[in-house]
Amino acid sequence: MKYAYYPGCSLHGPAKGYDLSVKAVCKNLDIELWEVPDWTCCGASSAHSFGHLLGLAIPAQTLVPAEQEGLDIVAPCAACWQRLVWVNHEVTTNAKTRDEINQAIGAELTGSSKVLSIMEAVASAGMEKIAQATKKPLKGLKIAAYYGCYYVKPPKVAHVDDPESPKLIDDIMAAVGAEPVDWPYKTECCGASLGFVEFDTTLAMSAKVLDYAIKSGADMIVTACPLCQQNLDMQQSTINKKFGTNHKIPVTYFTQLMAYAFGMSDKEAAMHKNFTSYQSALAKLG
């Protein structure tokens, strides 16, 4: 199994632990990742606010090499994934927009390469193979799988999982021995898009996610979105100060826990690159 790999800016920066664990997990599952050469930022943070065509043309450039190699493309960052999915949607459903994009980038993009989330790529190996690769089952660890909003909305374009009750991360976590909890906030927004203009609102939205995960009995929150992970993990102490809470729930990428279950140490799985202490949660594994 081979995919084109688009790490995006986050995985080469603040989410480096995500990048390390994604590559480790894929190696264990015999999934080959071919990193797109000379990739550029997907423009998710600002490009589309300057113009619809610009917001499509920038990520379109990343899809061209994948098509030329005849590979589907994997984008672990939820924001990057959604920008690439939008381009493919526009290219395959609107001939006029496709021509405008191709003229802007000076290349021919047809939309033949599928854009996959890292959850889909990992799951493509099969739950049985994931279970077989597990050397340290996460038995006794209760996790809240947090998908956020990017992977499920809008449902006509986002195609990862059930938009109301996604199960993909839950199933993967169960395959490595963890116990996914049922909770109502798995697809609620963390408020990332408001971070620069209404930071207090972002903190309030993230606080609710943390509250419900803890009330649901989770020992850990696992996610596949760098923005979600940052708001719930890095800002957790800020949330505690603002709302008078005492949350200490670890927030990791699901691939970090997979890498740990596959036999890597917590540091090899880059869990030490997160902010909230996770040792007490892992201690429940014995």
C-alpha atoms as a PDB file:
ATOM      1  CA  MET A   1       0.000   0.000   0.000  1.00  0.00           C
ATOM      2  CA  LYS A   2       1.458   3.348  -1.029  1.00  0.00           C
ATOM      3  CA  TYR A   3       0.126   6.877  -0.636  1.00  0.00           C
ATOM      4  CA  ALA A   4       1.347  10.351  -1.461  1.00  0.00           C
ATOM      5  CA  TYR A   5       1.975  12.114   1.856  1.00  0.00           C
ATOM      6  CA  TYR A   6       1.257  15.767   2.559  1.00  0.00           C
ATOM      7  CA  PRO A   7       2.423  16.726   6.067  1.00  0.00           C
ATOM      8  CA  GLY A   8       1.575  20.415   5.797  1.00  0.00           C
ATOM      9  CA  CYS A   9       3.000  23.172   7.952  1.00  0.00           C
ATOM     10  CA  SER A  10       1.718  21.888  11.309  1.00  0.00           C
ATOM     11  CA  LEU A  11       3.416  18.498  11.106  1.00  0.00           C
ATOM     12  CA  HIS A  12       6.737  20.117  10.266  1.00  0.00           C
ATOM     13  CA  GLY A  13       6.302  22.533  13.181  1.00  0.00           C
ATOM     14  CA  PRO A  14       4.228  22.417  16.374  1.00  0.00           C
ATOM     15  CA  ALA A  15       2.725  19.000  15.534  1.00  0.00           C
ATOM     16  CA  LYS A  16       6.064  17.301  14.867  1.00  0.00           C
ATOM     17  CA  GLY A  17       5.068  14.525  17.264  1.00  0.00           C
ATOM     18  CA  TYR A  18       2.092  13.808  15.038  1.00  0.00           C
ATOM     19  CA  ASP A  19       4.360  13.484  12.009  1.00  0.00           C
ATOM     20  CA  LEU A  20       6.752  11.118  13.822  1.00  0.00           C
ATOM     21  CA  SER A  21       3.956   8.891  15.077  1.00  0.00           C
ATOM     22  CA  VAL A  22       2.130   8.812  11.722  1.00  0.00           C
ATOM     23  CA  LYS A  23       5.277   7.588   9.996  1.00  0.00           C
ATOM     24  CA  ALA A  24       5.960   5.011  12.709  1.00  0.00           C
ATOM     25  CA  VAL A  25       2.415   3.631  12.570  1.00  0.00           C
ATOM     26  CA  CYS A  26       2.393   3.427   8.787  1.00  0.00           C
ATOM     27  CA  LYS A  27       5.760   1.651   8.770  1.00  0.00           C
ATOM     28  CA  ASN A  28       4.398  -0.960  11.187  1.00  0.00           C
ATOM     29  CA  LEU A  29       1.361  -1.483   8.967  1.00  0.00           C
ATOM     30  CA  ASP A  30       3.390  -1.749   5.721  1.00  0.00           C
ATOM     31  CA  ILE A  31       1.957   1.517   4.422  1.00  0.00           C
ATOM     32  CA  GLU A  32       4.490   3.399   2.301  1.00  0.00           C
ATOM     33  CA  LEU A  33       4.356   7.195   2.399  1.00  0.00           C
ATOM     34  CA  TRP A  34       5.806   9.154  -0.520  1.00  0.00           C
ATOM     35  CA  GLU A  35       6.154  12.770   0.616  1.00  0.00           C
ATOM     36  CA  VAL A  36       4.990  15.194  -2.047  1.00  0.00           C
ATOM     37  CA  PRO A  37       8.116  17.019  -3.266  1.00  0.00           C
ATOM     38  CA  ASP A  38       8.325  20.788  -2.856  1.00  0.00           C
ATOM     39  CA  TRP A  39       4.917  20.989  -1.199  1.00  0.00           C
ATOM     40  CA  THR A  40       3.588  24.360  -0.100  1.00  0.00           C
ATOM     41  CA  CYS A  41       1.216  25.535   2.632  1.00  0.00           C
ATOM     42  CA  CYS A  42      -2.403  24.608   1.906  1.00  0.00           C
ATOM     43  CA  GLY A  43      -3.516  28.166   2.654  1.00  0.00           C
ATOM     44  CA  ALA A  44      -6.089  27.042   5.223  1.00  0.00           C
ATOM     45  CA  SER A  45      -5.337  29.854   7.633  1.00  0.00           C
ATOM     46  CA  SER A  46      -5.902  32.760   5.290  1.00  0.00           C
ATOM     47  CA  ALA A  47      -5.815  32.154   1.525  1.00  0.00           C
ATOM     48  CA  HIS A  48      -9.519  31.477   1.046  1.00  0.00           C
ATOM     49  CA  SER A  49     -10.384  34.718   2.871  1.00  0.00           C
ATOM     50  CA  PHE A  50      -8.612  36.641   0.087  1.00  0.00           C
ATOM     51  CA  GLY A  51     -10.516  34.930  -2.705  1.00  0.00           C
ATOM     52  CA  HIS A  52     -12.257  31.681  -3.594  1.00  0.00           C
ATOM     53  CA  LEU A  53      -9.942  30.888  -6.508  1.00  0.00           C
ATOM     54  CA  LEU A  54      -6.788  31.591  -4.505  1.00  0.00           C
ATOM     55  CA  GLY A  55      -8.036  29.312  -1.737  1.00  0.00           C
ATOM     56  CA  LEU A  56      -8.405  26.503  -4.274  1.00  0.00           C
ATOM     57  CA  ALA A  57      -5.353  27.123  -6.452  1.00  0.00           C
ATOM     58  CA  ILE A  58      -2.815  26.967  -3.620  1.00  0.00           C
ATOM     59  CA  PRO A  59      -3.762  23.474  -2.366  1.00  0.00           C
ATOM     60  CA  ALA A  60      -4.374  22.332  -5.972  1.00  0.00           C
ATOM     61  CA  GLN A  61      -0.630  22.553  -6.589  1.00  0.00           C
ATOM     62  CA  THR A  62      -0.098  19.812  -4.007  1.00  0.00           C
ATOM     63  CA  LEU A  63      -2.517  17.441  -5.725  1.00  0.00           C
ATOM     64  CA  VAL A  64      -0.806  17.606  -9.125  1.00  0.00           C
ATOM     65  CA  PRO A  65       2.296  15.512  -8.168  1.00  0.00           C
ATOM     66  CA  ALA A  66       0.051  12.905  -6.512  1.00  0.00           C
ATOM     67  CA  GLU A  67      -1.993  12.574  -9.711  1.00  0.00           C
ATOM     68  CA  GLN A  68       1.155  12.349 -11.814  1.00  0.00           C
ATOM     69  CA  GLU A  69       2.373   9.486  -9.592  1.00  0.00           C
ATOM     70  CA  GLY A  70      -1.024   7.806  -9.754  1.00  0.00           C
ATOM     71  CA  LEU A  71      -1.358   7.883  -5.957  1.00  0.00           C
ATOM     72  CA  ASP A  72      -4.120   8.793  -3.558  1.00  0.00           C
ATOM     73  CA  ILE A  73      -2.958  11.415  -1.091  1.00  0.00           C
ATOM     74  CA  VAL A  74      -2.967  11.382   2.719  1.00  0.00           C
ATOM     75  CA  ALA A  75      -3.144  14.624   4.711  1.00  0.00           C
ATOM     76  CA  PRO A  76      -2.979  14.087   8.506  1.00  0.00           C
ATOM     77  CA  CYS A  77      -3.874  17.708   9.350  1.00  0.00           C
ATOM     78  CA  ALA A  78      -7.653  18.172   9.342  1.00  0.00           C
ATOM     79  CA  ALA A  79      -7.447  21.704   7.929  1.00  0.00           C
ATOM     80  CA  CYS A  80      -5.078  20.628   5.139  1.00  0.00           C
ATOM     81  CA  TRP A  81      -7.258  17.611   4.416  1.00  0.00           C
ATOM     82  CA  GLN A  82     -10.370  19.739   4.060  1.00  0.00           C
ATOM     83  CA  ARG A  83      -8.715  22.239   1.693  1.00  0.00           C
ATOM     84  CA  LEU A  84      -7.526  19.376  -0.532  1.00  0.00           C
ATOM     85  CA  VAL A  85     -10.967  17.744  -0.402  1.00  0.00           C
ATOM     86  CA  TRP A  86     -12.613  21.008  -1.427  1.00  0.00           C
ATOM     87  CA  VAL A  87     -10.303  21.314  -4.440  1.00  0.00           C
ATOM     88  CA  ASN A  88     -11.127  17.791  -5.602  1.00  0.00           C
ATOM     89  CA  HIS A  89     -14.825  18.474  -5.095  1.00  0.00           C
ATOM     90  CA  GLU A  90     -14.687  21.634  -7.199  1.00  0.00           C
ATOM     91  CA  VAL A  91     -12.532  20.057  -9.900  1.00  0.00           C
ATOM     92  CA  THR A  92     -14.802  17.036 -10.308  1.00  0.00           C
ATOM     93  CA  THR A  93     -18.154  18.850 -10.084  1.00  0.00           C
ATOM     94  CA  ASN A  94     -17.584  22.219 -11.771  1.00  0.00           C
ATOM     95  CA  ALA A  95     -15.895  22.318 -15.177  1.00  0.00           C
ATOM     96  CA  LYS A  96     -15.654  26.118 -15.194  1.00  0.00           C
ATOM     97  CA  THR A  97     -13.921  26.220 -11.809  1.00  0.00           C
ATOM     98  CA  ARG A  98     -11.642  23.326 -12.846  1.00  0.00           C
ATOM     99  CA  ASP A  99     -10.484  25.313 -15.887  1.00  0.00           C
ATOM    100  CA  GLU A 100      -9.882  28.403 -13.761  1.00  0.00           C
ATOM    101  CA  ILE A 101      -7.834  26.404 -11.246  1.00  0.00           C
ATOM    102  CA  ASN A 102      -5.764  24.731 -13.965  1.00  0.00           C
ATOM    103  CA  GLN A 103      -5.112  28.049 -15.652  1.00  0.00           C
ATOM    104  CA  ALA A 104      -4.041  29.579 -12.329  1.00  0.00           C
ATOM    105  CA  ILE A 105      -1.586  26.783 -11.485  1.00  0.00           C
ATOM    106  CA  GLY A 106      -0.399  26.146 -15.043  1.00  0.00           C
ATOM    107  CA  ALA A 107      -1.053  22.411 -14.782  1.00  0.00           C
ATOM    108  CA  GLU A 108      -3.761  19.839 -15.483  1.00  0.00           C
ATOM    109  CA  LEU A 109      -5.649  18.633 -12.413  1.00  0.00           C
ATOM    110  CA  THR A 110      -8.462  16.147 -12.971  1.00  0.00           C
ATOM    111  CA  GLY A 111      -9.357  15.057  -9.434  1.00  0.00           C
ATOM    112  CA  SER A 112      -8.384  11.429 -10.042  1.00  0.00           C
ATOM    113  CA  SER A 113      -6.447  11.102  -6.769  1.00  0.00           C
ATOM    114  CA  LYS A 114      -8.556  10.536  -3.675  1.00  0.00           C
ATOM    115  CA  VAL A 115      -7.804  12.708  -0.655  1.00  0.00           C
ATOM    116  CA  LEU A 116      -7.675  10.540   2.468  1.00  0.00           C
ATOM    117  CA  SER A 117      -7.524  11.414   6.127  1.00  0.00           C
ATOM    118  CA  ILE A 118      -4.892   9.617   8.157  1.00  0.00           C
ATOM    119  CA  MET A 119      -7.712   7.688   9.869  1.00  0.00           C
ATOM    120  CA  GLU A 120      -8.810   6.262   6.518  1.00  0.00           C
ATOM    121  CA  ALA A 121      -5.251   5.448   5.489  1.00  0.00           C
ATOM    122  CA  VAL A 122      -4.538   3.623   8.752  1.00  0.00           C
ATOM    123  CA  ALA A 123      -7.880   1.811   8.655  1.00  0.00           C
ATOM    124  CA  SER A 124      -7.176   0.653   5.099  1.00  0.00           C
ATOM    125  CA  ALA A 125      -4.641  -1.795   6.588  1.00  0.00           C
ATOM    126  CA  GLY A 126      -7.543  -3.532   8.320  1.00  0.00           C
ATOM    127  CA  MET A 127      -8.446  -3.775  12.002  1.00  0.00           C
ATOM    128  CA  GLU A 128      -7.099  -7.322  12.154  1.00  0.00           C
ATOM    129  CA  LYS A 129      -3.644  -6.208  11.038  1.00  0.00           C
ATOM    130  CA  ILE A 130      -3.725  -3.325  13.514  1.00  0.00           C
ATOM    131  CA  ALA A 131      -4.563  -5.755  16.304  1.00  0.00           C
ATOM    132  CA  GLN A 132      -1.776  -8.111  15.190  1.00  0.00           C
ATOM    133  CA  ALA A 133       0.762  -5.264  15.235  1.00  0.00           C
ATOM    134  CA  THR A 134      -0.161  -4.415  18.823  1.00  0.00           C
ATOM    135  CA  LYS A 135       2.524  -5.496  21.310  1.00  0.00           C
ATOM    136  CA  LYS A 136       1.322  -3.500  24.327  1.00  0.00           C
ATOM    137  CA  PRO A 137      -2.498  -3.592  24.358  1.00  0.00           C
ATOM    138  CA  LEU A 138      -4.066  -0.485  25.897  1.00  0.00           C
ATOM    139  CA  LYS A 139      -6.397  -2.558  28.066  1.00  0.00           C
ATOM    140  CA  GLY A 140      -7.982  -0.534  30.847  1.00  0.00           C
ATOM    141  CA  LEU A 141      -7.430   2.832  29.146  1.00  0.00           C
ATOM    142  CA  LYS A 142     -10.633   4.749  28.456  1.00  0.00           C
ATOM    143  CA  ILE A 143     -10.342   7.195  25.592  1.00  0.00           C
ATOM    144  CA  ALA A 144     -12.625   9.882  24.178  1.00  0.00           C
ATOM    145  CA  ALA A 145     -12.195   9.985  20.407  1.00  0.00           C
ATOM    146  CA  TYR A 146     -12.483  13.630  19.374  1.00  0.00           C
ATOM    147  CA  TYR A 147     -13.019  14.217  15.657  1.00  0.00           C
ATOM    148  CA  GLY A 148     -13.807  17.917  15.771  1.00  0.00           C
ATOM    149  CA  CYS A 149     -15.768  19.533  12.961  1.00  0.00           C
ATOM    150  CA  TYR A 150     -13.440  19.485   9.936  1.00  0.00           C
ATOM    151  CA  TYR A 151     -13.702  15.762   9.238  1.00  0.00           C
ATOM    152  CA  VAL A 152     -17.502  15.553   9.218  1.00  0.00           C
ATOM    153  CA  LYS A 153     -18.784  18.921   7.986  1.00  0.00           C
ATOM    154  CA  PRO A 154     -20.181  19.745   5.512  1.00  0.00           C
ATOM    155  CA  PRO A 155     -21.274  16.119   5.013  1.00  0.00           C
ATOM    156  CA  LYS A 156     -21.735  16.461   1.242  1.00  0.00           C
ATOM    157  CA  VAL A 157     -18.021  17.219   0.872  1.00  0.00           C
ATOM    158  CA  ALA A 158     -16.376  15.767   3.996  1.00  0.00           C
ATOM    159  CA  HIS A 159     -16.492  11.990   3.623  1.00  0.00           C
ATOM    160  CA  VAL A 160     -14.453  10.498   6.453  1.00  0.00           C
ATOM    161  CA  ASP A 161     -17.217   9.031   8.584  1.00  0.00           C
ATOM    162  CA  ASP A 162     -20.784   9.350   9.814  1.00  0.00           C
ATOM    163  CA  PRO A 163     -21.230  13.125  10.368  1.00  0.00           C
ATOM    164  CA  GLU A 164     -23.335  12.613  13.494  1.00  0.00           C
ATOM    165  CA  SER A 165     -21.686   9.587  15.085  1.00  0.00           C
ATOM    166  CA  PRO A 166     -18.250   8.833  13.624  1.00  0.00           C
ATOM    167  CA  LYS A 167     -16.580   5.589  14.689  1.00  0.00           C
ATOM    168  CA  LEU A 168     -13.314   5.306  12.776  1.00  0.00           C
ATOM    169  CA  ILE A 169     -10.937   6.454  15.526  1.00  0.00           C
ATOM    170  CA  ASP A 170     -13.020   4.534  18.090  1.00  0.00           C
ATOM    171  CA  ASP A 171     -12.621   1.334  16.059  1.00  0.00           C
ATOM    172  CA  ILE A 172      -8.871   1.844  15.651  1.00  0.00           C
ATOM    173  CA  MET A 173      -8.452   2.476  19.372  1.00  0.00           C
ATOM    174  CA  ALA A 174     -10.486  -0.629  20.183  1.00  0.00           C
ATOM    175  CA  ALA A 175      -8.205  -2.640  17.854  1.00  0.00           C
ATOM    176  CA  VAL A 176      -5.179  -1.680  19.989  1.00  0.00           C
ATOM    177  CA  GLY A 177      -7.033  -2.631  23.158  1.00  0.00           C
ATOM    178  CA  ALA A 178      -8.335   0.707  24.471  1.00  0.00           C
ATOM    179  CA  GLU A 179     -11.931   1.300  25.550  1.00  0.00           C
ATOM    180  CA  PRO A 180     -13.636   4.130  23.608  1.00  0.00           C
ATOM    181  CA  VAL A 181     -16.236   5.972  25.679  1.00  0.00           C
ATOM    182  CA  ASP A 182     -19.548   7.181  24.327  1.00  0.00           C
ATOM    183  CA  TRP A 183     -19.790  10.951  24.660  1.00  0.00           C
ATOM    184  CA  PRO A 184     -21.811  13.771  23.055  1.00  0.00           C
ATOM    185  CA  TYR A 185     -19.065  16.224  22.036  1.00  0.00           C
ATOM    186  CA  LYS A 186     -16.967  14.123  19.655  1.00  0.00           C
ATOM    187  CA  THR A 187     -17.830  16.318  16.628  1.00  0.00           C
ATOM    188  CA  GLU A 188     -18.288  19.684  18.345  1.00  0.00           C
ATOM    189  CA  CYS A 189     -16.021  22.540  17.252  1.00  0.00           C
ATOM    190  CA  CYS A 190     -13.148  23.527  19.551  1.00  0.00           C
ATOM    191  CA  GLY A 191     -13.374  27.133  18.360  1.00  0.00           C
ATOM    192  CA  ALA A 192     -10.046  27.169  16.521  1.00  0.00           C
ATOM    193  CA  SER A 193     -11.268  29.495  13.767  1.00  0.00           C
ATOM    194  CA  LEU A 194     -12.046  32.172  16.368  1.00  0.00           C
ATOM    195  CA  GLY A 195      -8.644  31.992  18.042  1.00  0.00           C
ATOM    196  CA  PHE A 196      -7.339  35.266  16.600  1.00  0.00           C
ATOM    197  CA  VAL A 197     -10.523  37.324  16.915  1.00  0.00           C
ATOM    198  CA  GLU A 198     -12.542  35.902  19.856  1.00  0.00           C
ATOM    199  CA  PHE A 199     -10.052  33.983  21.953  1.00  0.00           C
ATOM    200  CA  ASP A 200     -12.352  33.914  24.984  1.00  0.00           C
ATOM    201  CA  THR A 201     -14.980  32.181  22.843  1.00  0.00           C
ATOM    202  CA  THR A 202     -12.385  29.638  21.715  1.00  0.00           C
ATOM    203  CA  LEU A 203     -11.500  28.910  25.330  1.00  0.00           C
ATOM    204  CA  ALA A 204     -15.162  28.518  26.272  1.00  0.00           C
ATOM    205  CA  MET A 205     -15.829  26.101  23.406  1.00  0.00           C
ATOM    206  CA  SER A 206     -12.738  24.036  24.185  1.00  0.00           C
ATOM    207  CA  ALA A 207     -13.639  24.009  27.871  1.00  0.00           C
ATOM    208  CA  LYS A 208     -16.948  22.309  27.078  1.00  0.00           C
ATOM    209  CA  VAL A 209     -15.160  19.598  25.105  1.00  0.00           C
ATOM    210  CA  LEU A 210     -12.842  18.928  28.052  1.00  0.00           C
ATOM    211  CA  ASP A 211     -15.745  18.963  30.524  1.00  0.00           C
ATOM    212  CA  TYR A 212     -17.771  16.380  28.618  1.00  0.00           C
ATOM    213  CA  ALA A 213     -14.810  14.097  27.972  1.00  0.00           C
ATOM    214  CA  ILE A 214     -14.034  14.002  31.693  1.00  0.00           C
ATOM    215  CA  LYS A 215     -17.695  13.565  32.678  1.00  0.00           C
ATOM    216  CA  SER A 216     -17.868  10.627  30.258  1.00  0.00           C
ATOM    217  CA  GLY A 217     -15.111   8.854  32.191  1.00  0.00           C
ATOM    218  CA  ALA A 218     -12.267   9.213  29.690  1.00  0.00           C
ATOM    219  CA  ASP A 219      -8.654   8.912  30.835  1.00  0.00           C
ATOM    220  CA  MET A 220      -7.440  10.523  27.612  1.00  0.00           C
ATOM    221  CA  ILE A 221      -8.700  12.463  24.630  1.00  0.00           C
ATOM    222  CA  VAL A 222      -7.344  11.359  21.244  1.00  0.00           C
ATOM    223  CA  THR A 223      -7.667  13.405  18.095  1.00  0.00           C
ATOM    224  CA  ALA A 224      -6.428  13.667  14.520  1.00  0.00           C
ATOM    225  CA  CYS A 225      -6.468  17.457  14.222  1.00  0.00           C
ATOM    226  CA  PRO A 226      -3.506  19.676  15.183  1.00  0.00           C
ATOM    227  CA  LEU A 227      -5.780  22.661  15.864  1.00  0.00           C
ATOM    228  CA  CYS A 228      -8.007  20.632  18.178  1.00  0.00           C
ATOM    229  CA  GLN A 229      -5.019  19.105  19.928  1.00  0.00           C
ATOM    230  CA  GLN A 230      -3.450  22.506  20.483  1.00  0.00           C
ATOM    231  CA  ASN A 231      -6.608  24.090  21.903  1.00  0.00           C
ATOM    232  CA  LEU A 232      -7.413  21.203  24.234  1.00  0.00           C
ATOM    233  CA  ASP A 233      -3.845  20.459  25.308  1.00  0.00           C
ATOM    234  CA  MET A 234      -1.700  23.594  25.166  1.00  0.00           C
ATOM    235  CA  GLN A 235      -4.545  25.868  26.302  1.00  0.00           C
ATOM    236  CA  GLN A 236      -5.759  23.532  29.061  1.00  0.00           C
ATOM    237  CA  SER A 237      -3.959  25.457  31.816  1.00  0.00           C
ATOM    238  CA  THR A 238      -5.352  28.742  30.451  1.00  0.00           C
ATOM    239  CA  ILE A 239      -8.850  27.233  30.451  1.00  0.00           C
ATOM    240  CA  ASN A 240      -8.385  26.130  34.066  1.00  0.00           C
ATOM    241  CA  LYS A 241      -7.381  29.636  35.145  1.00  0.00           C
ATOM    242  CA  LYS A 242     -10.239  31.304  33.289  1.00  0.00           C
ATOM    243  CA  PHE A 243     -13.033  28.968  34.385  1.00  0.00           C
ATOM    244  CA  GLY A 244     -11.739  27.821  37.768  1.00  0.00           C
ATOM    245  CA  THR A 245     -11.426  24.196  36.678  1.00  0.00           C
ATOM    246  CA  ASN A 246      -8.688  21.701  37.408  1.00  0.00           C
ATOM    247  CA  HIS A 247      -8.595  19.661  34.220  1.00  0.00           C
ATOM    248  CA  LYS A 248      -5.556  17.419  33.794  1.00  0.00           C
ATOM    249  CA  ILE A 249      -6.656  15.169  30.973  1.00  0.00           C
ATOM    250  CA  PRO A 250      -3.989  14.245  28.394  1.00  0.00           C
ATOM    251  CA  VAL A 251      -4.771  15.060  24.768  1.00  0.00           C
ATOM    252  CA  THR A 252      -2.771  13.008  22.266  1.00  0.00           C
ATOM    253  CA  TYR A 253      -2.902  12.181  18.592  1.00  0.00           C
ATOM    254  CA  PHE A 254      -4.437   8.775  18.033  1.00  0.00           C
ATOM    255  CA  THR A 255      -1.308   7.755  16.129  1.00  0.00           C
ATOM    256  CA  GLN A 256       0.824   8.457  19.203  1.00  0.00           C
ATOM    257  CA  LEU A 257      -1.166   5.938  21.221  1.00  0.00           C
ATOM    258  CA  MET A 258      -1.030   3.490  18.311  1.00  0.00           C
ATOM    259  CA  ALA A 259       2.758   3.807  18.102  1.00  0.00           C
ATOM    260  CA  TYR A 260       2.971   3.215  21.852  1.00  0.00           C
ATOM    261  CA  ALA A 261       0.746   0.142  21.563  1.00  0.00           C
ATOM    262  CA  PHE A 262       2.911  -1.113  18.686  1.00  0.00           C
ATOM    263  CA  GLY A 263       5.876  -1.311  21.055  1.00  0.00           C
ATOM    264  CA  MET A 264       7.468   2.134  20.979  1.00  0.00           C
ATOM    265  CA  SER A 265       8.280   4.006  24.171  1.00  0.00           C
ATOM    266  CA  ASP A 266       6.248   7.083  25.052  1.00  0.00           C
ATOM    267  CA  LYS A 267       9.154   9.291  23.959  1.00  0.00           C
ATOM    268  CA  GLU A 268       9.636   7.387  20.705  1.00  0.00           C
ATOM    269  CA  ALA A 269       5.916   7.984  20.113  1.00  0.00           C
ATOM    270  CA  ALA A 270       6.655  11.680  20.773  1.00  0.00           C
ATOM    271  CA  MET A 271       4.094  11.913  23.569  1.00  0.00           C
ATOM    272  CA  HIS A 272       6.545  14.046  25.535  1.00  0.00           C
ATOM    273  CA  LYS A 273       6.039  16.757  22.920  1.00  0.00           C
ATOM    274  CA  ASN A 274       2.500  17.306  24.200  1.00  0.00           C
ATOM    275  CA  PHE A 275       1.781  19.635  27.139  1.00  0.00           C
ATOM    276  CA  THR A 276      -0.509  17.851  29.616  1.00  0.00           C
ATOM    277  CA  SER A 277       1.075  15.050  31.647  1.00  0.00           C
ATOM    278  CA  TYR A 278       0.039  11.622  30.399  1.00  0.00           C
ATOM    279  CA  GLN A 279       2.027   9.314  32.709  1.00  0.00           C
ATOM    280  CA  SER A 280      -0.772   8.731  35.233  1.00  0.00           C
ATOM    281  CA  ALA A 281      -3.127   7.676  32.428  1.00  0.00           C
ATOM    282  CA  LEU A 282      -0.617   5.196  31.014  1.00  0.00           C
ATOM    283  CA  ALA A 283      -0.008   3.880  34.529  1.00  0.00           C
ATOM    284  CA  LYS A 284      -3.484   2.360  34.376  1.00  0.00           C
ATOM    285  CA  LEU A 285      -2.075  -0.079  31.834  1.00  0.00           C
ATOM    286  CA  GLY A 286       0.157  -1.582  34.495  1.00  0.00           C
END
